Amino acid sequence: MARRQRLETLTGWSMMWIICMFDIPVRTRKEMRKATRFRNVLLDEGFVMKQFSVYIKPVKSLSAGQTVTKRLSRFIPDNSSVSFLYITDKQYLMTENYLGKNYEEETREKNGQLLLF
């Protein structure tokens, strides 16, 4: 019964997405290593890369998301700008994605994927 109640309380308005957007300098080898480390920490925390400096992760509540971002804040490199944006799952579902002409072909070529059909 308790499990059923928990599942019912997870709604599109209570579940959240964390969007991490950052600008990290990469002029020196040291800065590059710090930027790579930060990106790897995001991946280890379950974030997925949306764009090179934009990562996203679903969480079950705002407080769970804030716990994650507080933990991540320890890894932010010096001279960097990092923003964490919280949006509900319902809001995230309203995202509209557009691909420019030939985007899929270029992506396949970069990733080495073969077209089978």
N, C-alpha and C. Protein backbone atom coordinates (compact mmCIF):
# COMPACT_ATOMS: atom_id res chain seq x y z
N MET A 1 0.82 -1.19 0.00
CA MET A 1 0.00 0.00 0.00
C MET A 1 0.87 1.27 0.00
N ALA A 2 1.92 1.27 0.83
CA ALA A 2 2.79 2.45 0.91
C ALA A 2 3.47 2.71 -0.43
N ARG A 3 3.88 1.63 -1.11
CA ARG A 3 4.53 1.78 -2.41
C ARG A 3 3.56 2.41 -3.41
N ARG A 4 2.31 1.97 -3.38
CA ARG A 4 1.31 2.53 -4.30
C ARG A 4 1.10 4.01 -4.04
N GLN A 5 1.07 4.41 -2.77
CA GLN A 5 0.91 5.82 -2.43
C GLN A 5 2.09 6.63 -2.95
N ARG A 6 3.31 6.11 -2.79
CA ARG A 6 4.50 6.81 -3.27
C ARG A 6 4.44 7.01 -4.77
N LEU A 7 4.04 5.98 -5.51
CA LEU A 7 3.97 6.08 -6.96
C LEU A 7 2.93 7.10 -7.40
N GLU A 8 1.84 7.15 -6.69
CA GLU A 8 0.78 8.09 -7.05
C GLU A 8 1.20 9.54 -6.79
N THR A 9 2.11 9.77 -5.84
CA THR A 9 2.52 11.14 -5.55
C THR A 9 3.55 11.65 -6.57
N LEU A 10 4.16 10.76 -7.35
CA LEU A 10 5.09 11.19 -8.38
C LEU A 10 4.30 11.58 -9.62
N THR A 11 4.14 12.86 -9.81
CA THR A 11 3.37 13.35 -10.95
C THR A 11 4.28 14.20 -11.84
N GLY A 12 3.75 14.58 -12.97
CA GLY A 12 4.49 15.44 -13.88
C GLY A 12 4.77 16.81 -13.30
N TRP A 13 4.03 17.18 -12.25
CA TRP A 13 4.28 18.48 -11.62
C TRP A 13 5.24 18.35 -10.45
N SER A 14 5.40 17.17 -9.88
CA SER A 14 6.34 17.02 -8.76
C SER A 14 7.70 16.54 -9.25
N MET A 15 7.73 15.74 -10.30
CA MET A 15 9.01 15.30 -10.85
C MET A 15 9.68 16.48 -11.55
N MET A 16 10.99 16.56 -11.44
CA MET A 16 11.72 17.71 -11.95
C MET A 16 12.82 17.28 -12.91
N TRP A 17 13.26 18.21 -13.70
CA TRP A 17 14.45 18.06 -14.53
C TRP A 17 15.44 19.12 -14.08
N ILE A 18 16.70 18.73 -13.93
CA ILE A 18 17.76 19.69 -13.67
C ILE A 18 18.45 19.93 -15.00
N ILE A 19 18.57 21.17 -15.37
CA ILE A 19 19.32 21.53 -16.57
C ILE A 19 20.56 22.28 -16.09
N CYS A 20 21.73 21.71 -16.37
CA CYS A 20 22.99 22.32 -15.98
C CYS A 20 23.61 22.97 -17.23
N MET A 21 23.82 24.27 -17.16
CA MET A 21 24.42 25.03 -18.27
C MET A 21 25.68 25.67 -17.74
N PHE A 22 26.77 25.56 -18.49
CA PHE A 22 28.01 26.10 -17.96
C PHE A 22 28.91 26.68 -19.04
N ASP A 23 29.76 27.58 -18.58
CA ASP A 23 30.80 28.16 -19.40
C ASP A 23 32.09 28.04 -18.59
N ILE A 24 32.96 27.13 -19.00
CA ILE A 24 34.20 26.85 -18.29
C ILE A 24 35.36 27.16 -19.22
N PRO A 25 36.30 28.01 -18.78
CA PRO A 25 37.43 28.33 -19.65
C PRO A 25 38.31 27.10 -19.91
N VAL A 26 38.81 27.00 -21.13
CA VAL A 26 39.67 25.86 -21.51
C VAL A 26 40.88 26.35 -22.31
N ARG A 27 41.50 27.43 -21.82
CA ARG A 27 42.65 28.00 -22.53
C ARG A 27 43.95 27.24 -22.26
N THR A 28 44.09 26.65 -21.09
CA THR A 28 45.31 25.92 -20.74
C THR A 28 44.99 24.45 -20.51
N ARG A 29 46.04 23.62 -20.47
CA ARG A 29 45.83 22.19 -20.19
C ARG A 29 45.16 21.97 -18.83
N LYS A 30 45.57 22.75 -17.85
CA LYS A 30 45.00 22.63 -16.51
C LYS A 30 43.50 22.94 -16.53
N GLU A 31 43.11 24.01 -17.24
CA GLU A 31 41.69 24.36 -17.35
C GLU A 31 40.93 23.28 -18.11
N MET A 32 41.54 22.71 -19.15
CA MET A 32 40.89 21.63 -19.91
C MET A 32 40.63 20.42 -19.02
N ARG A 33 41.61 20.08 -18.19
CA ARG A 33 41.44 18.94 -17.28
C ARG A 33 40.31 19.19 -16.28
N LYS A 34 40.26 20.42 -15.75
CA LYS A 34 39.19 20.76 -14.80
C LYS A 34 37.82 20.73 -15.46
N ALA A 35 37.73 21.21 -16.70
CA ALA A 35 36.46 21.18 -17.43
C ALA A 35 36.04 19.74 -17.70
N THR A 36 36.98 18.92 -18.11
CA THR A 36 36.69 17.51 -18.37
C THR A 36 36.26 16.81 -17.09
N ARG A 37 36.92 17.12 -16.00
CA ARG A 37 36.56 16.52 -14.71
C ARG A 37 35.13 16.89 -14.33
N PHE A 38 34.76 18.17 -14.51
CA PHE A 38 33.41 18.60 -14.19
C PHE A 38 32.38 17.87 -15.05
N ARG A 39 32.65 17.75 -16.35
CA ARG A 39 31.73 17.02 -17.24
C ARG A 39 31.61 15.55 -16.82
N ASN A 40 32.71 14.95 -16.44
CA ASN A 40 32.69 13.55 -15.99
C ASN A 40 31.91 13.38 -14.69
N VAL A 41 32.02 14.37 -13.79
CA VAL A 41 31.24 14.33 -12.55
C VAL A 41 29.75 14.39 -12.88
N LEU A 42 29.37 15.24 -13.83
CA LEU A 42 27.97 15.32 -14.25
C LEU A 42 27.50 13.96 -14.78
N LEU A 43 28.30 13.34 -15.62
CA LEU A 43 27.94 12.02 -16.17
C LEU A 43 27.83 10.98 -15.05
N ASP A 44 28.76 11.02 -14.10
CA ASP A 44 28.72 10.07 -12.98
C ASP A 44 27.47 10.26 -12.12
N GLU A 45 26.95 11.49 -12.07
CA GLU A 45 25.74 11.80 -11.31
C GLU A 45 24.46 11.45 -12.07
N GLY A 46 24.61 10.97 -13.30
CA GLY A 46 23.44 10.56 -14.07
C GLY A 46 22.93 11.59 -15.06
N PHE A 47 23.68 12.66 -15.26
CA PHE A 47 23.29 13.64 -16.26
C PHE A 47 23.58 13.10 -17.66
N VAL A 48 22.84 13.61 -18.63
CA VAL A 48 23.03 13.25 -20.03
C VAL A 48 23.34 14.53 -20.79
N MET A 49 24.30 14.45 -21.71
CA MET A 49 24.67 15.65 -22.46
C MET A 49 23.61 15.96 -23.52
N LYS A 50 23.04 17.15 -23.44
CA LYS A 50 22.10 17.64 -24.44
C LYS A 50 22.86 18.40 -25.52
N GLN A 51 23.78 19.25 -25.09
CA GLN A 51 24.73 19.94 -25.95
C GLN A 51 26.05 19.94 -25.20
N PHE A 52 27.11 20.45 -25.81
CA PHE A 52 28.42 20.32 -25.18
C PHE A 52 28.48 20.93 -23.78
N SER A 53 27.81 22.04 -23.54
CA SER A 53 27.85 22.64 -22.21
C SER A 53 26.45 22.71 -21.58
N VAL A 54 25.58 21.80 -21.99
CA VAL A 54 24.23 21.70 -21.41
C VAL A 54 23.95 20.22 -21.12
N TYR A 55 23.72 19.93 -19.84
CA TYR A 55 23.45 18.56 -19.41
C TYR A 55 22.12 18.53 -18.68
N ILE A 56 21.40 17.40 -18.77
CA ILE A 56 20.08 17.30 -18.14
C ILE A 56 19.98 16.02 -17.32
N LYS A 57 19.13 16.06 -16.30
CA LYS A 57 18.91 14.89 -15.44
C LYS A 57 17.51 14.97 -14.83
N PRO A 58 16.77 13.86 -14.87
CA PRO A 58 15.48 13.84 -14.17
C PRO A 58 15.68 13.49 -12.70
N VAL A 59 14.89 14.10 -11.83
CA VAL A 59 14.90 13.79 -10.40
C VAL A 59 13.45 13.73 -9.92
N LYS A 60 13.23 13.09 -8.77
CA LYS A 60 11.85 12.89 -8.34
C LYS A 60 11.22 14.09 -7.63
N SER A 61 12.05 15.06 -7.21
CA SER A 61 11.49 16.24 -6.55
C SER A 61 12.49 17.38 -6.58
N LEU A 62 12.01 18.57 -6.26
CA LEU A 62 12.88 19.73 -6.20
C LEU A 62 13.95 19.55 -5.13
N SER A 63 13.57 19.04 -3.98
CA SER A 63 14.56 18.88 -2.89
C SER A 63 15.63 17.86 -3.28
N ALA A 64 15.25 16.80 -4.00
CA ALA A 64 16.25 15.83 -4.47
C ALA A 64 17.20 16.50 -5.46
N GLY A 65 16.65 17.35 -6.32
CA GLY A 65 17.48 18.07 -7.28
C GLY A 65 18.43 19.03 -6.60
N GLN A 66 17.96 19.72 -5.58
CA GLN A 66 18.81 20.66 -4.86
C GLN A 66 19.93 19.93 -4.12
N THR A 67 19.67 18.74 -3.66
CA THR A 67 20.70 17.93 -3.02
C THR A 67 21.80 17.58 -4.03
N VAL A 68 21.39 17.22 -5.23
CA VAL A 68 22.34 16.88 -6.29
C VAL A 68 23.18 18.10 -6.65
N THR A 69 22.54 19.25 -6.84
CA THR A 69 23.30 20.43 -7.27
C THR A 69 24.23 20.94 -6.17
N LYS A 70 23.82 20.79 -4.93
CA LYS A 70 24.70 21.19 -3.82
C LYS A 70 25.96 20.33 -3.84
N ARG A 71 25.80 19.03 -4.07
CA ARG A 71 26.95 18.11 -4.15
C ARG A 71 27.84 18.48 -5.33
N LEU A 72 27.23 18.82 -6.47
CA LEU A 72 28.00 19.17 -7.66
C LEU A 72 28.73 20.50 -7.53
N SER A 73 28.21 21.40 -6.73
CA SER A 73 28.81 22.74 -6.61
C SER A 73 30.25 22.67 -6.10
N ARG A 74 30.62 21.61 -5.42
CA ARG A 74 32.00 21.47 -4.93
C ARG A 74 33.00 21.26 -6.06
N PHE A 75 32.52 20.83 -7.24
CA PHE A 75 33.40 20.50 -8.35
C PHE A 75 33.49 21.60 -9.42
N ILE A 76 32.86 22.73 -9.18
CA ILE A 76 32.86 23.80 -10.17
C ILE A 76 34.25 24.43 -10.22
N PRO A 77 34.87 24.43 -11.40
CA PRO A 77 36.21 25.01 -11.52
C PRO A 77 36.21 26.53 -11.30
N ASP A 78 37.38 27.07 -10.91
CA ASP A 78 37.53 28.51 -10.76
C ASP A 78 37.26 29.20 -12.09
N ASN A 79 36.87 30.45 -12.04
CA ASN A 79 36.62 31.28 -13.22
C ASN A 79 35.56 30.69 -14.14
N SER A 80 34.62 29.94 -13.59
CA SER A 80 33.56 29.30 -14.38
C SER A 80 32.21 29.87 -14.02
N SER A 81 31.29 29.75 -14.95
CA SER A 81 29.91 30.13 -14.72
C SER A 81 29.05 28.89 -14.91
N VAL A 82 28.36 28.47 -13.85
CA VAL A 82 27.51 27.28 -13.92
C VAL A 82 26.13 27.65 -13.40
N SER A 83 25.10 27.29 -14.16
CA SER A 83 23.71 27.54 -13.74
C SER A 83 22.96 26.22 -13.71
N PHE A 84 22.17 26.04 -12.66
CA PHE A 84 21.29 24.89 -12.55
C PHE A 84 19.86 25.39 -12.63
N LEU A 85 19.12 24.92 -13.59
CA LEU A 85 17.74 25.32 -13.81
C LEU A 85 16.85 24.13 -13.49
N TYR A 86 15.79 24.35 -12.71
CA TYR A 86 14.85 23.29 -12.36
C TYR A 86 13.54 23.54 -13.10
N ILE A 87 13.06 22.53 -13.80
CA ILE A 87 11.74 22.64 -14.43
C ILE A 87 10.97 21.34 -14.16
N THR A 88 9.67 21.43 -14.16
CA THR A 88 8.86 20.24 -13.91
C THR A 88 8.87 19.34 -15.14
N ASP A 89 8.50 18.10 -14.93
CA ASP A 89 8.43 17.15 -16.04
C ASP A 89 7.39 17.60 -17.07
N LYS A 90 6.29 18.17 -16.60
CA LYS A 90 5.26 18.68 -17.51
C LYS A 90 5.82 19.79 -18.40
N GLN A 91 6.61 20.67 -17.81
CA GLN A 91 7.23 21.74 -18.59
C GLN A 91 8.23 21.17 -19.59
N TYR A 92 9.01 20.19 -19.16
CA TYR A 92 10.02 19.59 -20.04
C TYR A 92 9.35 18.91 -21.24
N LEU A 93 8.18 18.32 -21.02
CA LEU A 93 7.46 17.66 -22.11
C LEU A 93 7.02 18.64 -23.19
N MET A 94 6.99 19.92 -22.87
CA MET A 94 6.61 20.92 -23.86
C MET A 94 7.79 21.40 -24.70
N THR A 95 8.96 20.79 -24.52
CA THR A 95 10.15 21.15 -25.29
C THR A 95 9.92 20.86 -26.76
N GLU A 96 10.30 21.78 -27.60
CA GLU A 96 10.25 21.57 -29.04
C GLU A 96 11.68 21.52 -29.55
N ASN A 97 12.04 20.43 -30.22
CA ASN A 97 13.38 20.26 -30.77
C ASN A 97 13.31 20.34 -32.28
N TYR A 98 14.23 21.08 -32.86
CA TYR A 98 14.30 21.22 -34.30
C TYR A 98 15.70 20.84 -34.76
N LEU A 99 15.78 20.12 -35.85
CA LEU A 99 17.06 19.75 -36.43
C LEU A 99 17.22 20.46 -37.76
N GLY A 100 18.38 21.06 -37.95
CA GLY A 100 18.66 21.73 -39.21
C GLY A 100 18.86 20.72 -40.33
N LYS A 101 18.84 21.20 -41.55
CA LYS A 101 19.02 20.35 -42.72
C LYS A 101 20.32 19.55 -42.59
N ASN A 102 20.26 18.27 -42.88
CA ASN A 102 21.40 17.35 -42.88
C ASN A 102 21.98 17.07 -41.49
N TYR A 103 21.32 17.50 -40.43
CA TYR A 103 21.85 17.30 -39.08
C TYR A 103 22.03 15.82 -38.77
N GLU A 104 21.02 15.00 -39.08
CA GLU A 104 21.10 13.58 -38.78
C GLU A 104 22.22 12.90 -39.56
N GLU A 105 22.40 13.26 -40.82
CA GLU A 105 23.46 12.66 -41.62
C GLU A 105 24.83 13.00 -41.05
N GLU A 106 25.04 14.27 -40.68
CA GLU A 106 26.32 14.68 -40.12
C GLU A 106 26.58 13.98 -38.79
N THR A 107 25.55 13.84 -37.96
CA THR A 107 25.70 13.18 -36.68
C THR A 107 26.07 11.71 -36.86
N ARG A 108 25.42 11.05 -37.81
CA ARG A 108 25.75 9.64 -38.08
C ARG A 108 27.20 9.50 -38.53
N GLU A 109 27.65 10.40 -39.39
CA GLU A 109 29.02 10.34 -39.89
C GLU A 109 30.02 10.55 -38.76
N LYS A 110 29.75 11.49 -37.88
CA LYS A 110 30.64 11.76 -36.75
C LYS A 110 30.71 10.57 -35.81
N ASN A 111 29.56 9.91 -35.59
CA ASN A 111 29.49 8.79 -34.67
C ASN A 111 29.87 7.47 -35.33
N GLY A 112 30.10 7.48 -36.62
CA GLY A 112 30.48 6.25 -37.31
C GLY A 112 29.33 5.26 -37.47
N GLN A 113 28.09 5.73 -37.42
CA GLN A 113 26.96 4.84 -37.55
C GLN A 113 26.70 4.56 -39.03
N LEU A 114 26.26 3.37 -39.30
CA LEU A 114 25.94 2.98 -40.66
C LEU A 114 24.44 3.07 -40.89
N LEU A 115 24.07 3.48 -42.07
CA LEU A 115 22.66 3.52 -42.44
C LEU A 115 22.30 2.17 -43.04
N LEU A 116 21.38 1.44 -42.41
CA LEU A 116 21.04 0.10 -42.85
C LEU A 116 19.84 0.07 -43.78
N PHE A 117 19.02 1.10 -43.75
CA PHE A 117 17.82 1.08 -44.58
C PHE A 117 17.85 2.18 -45.60
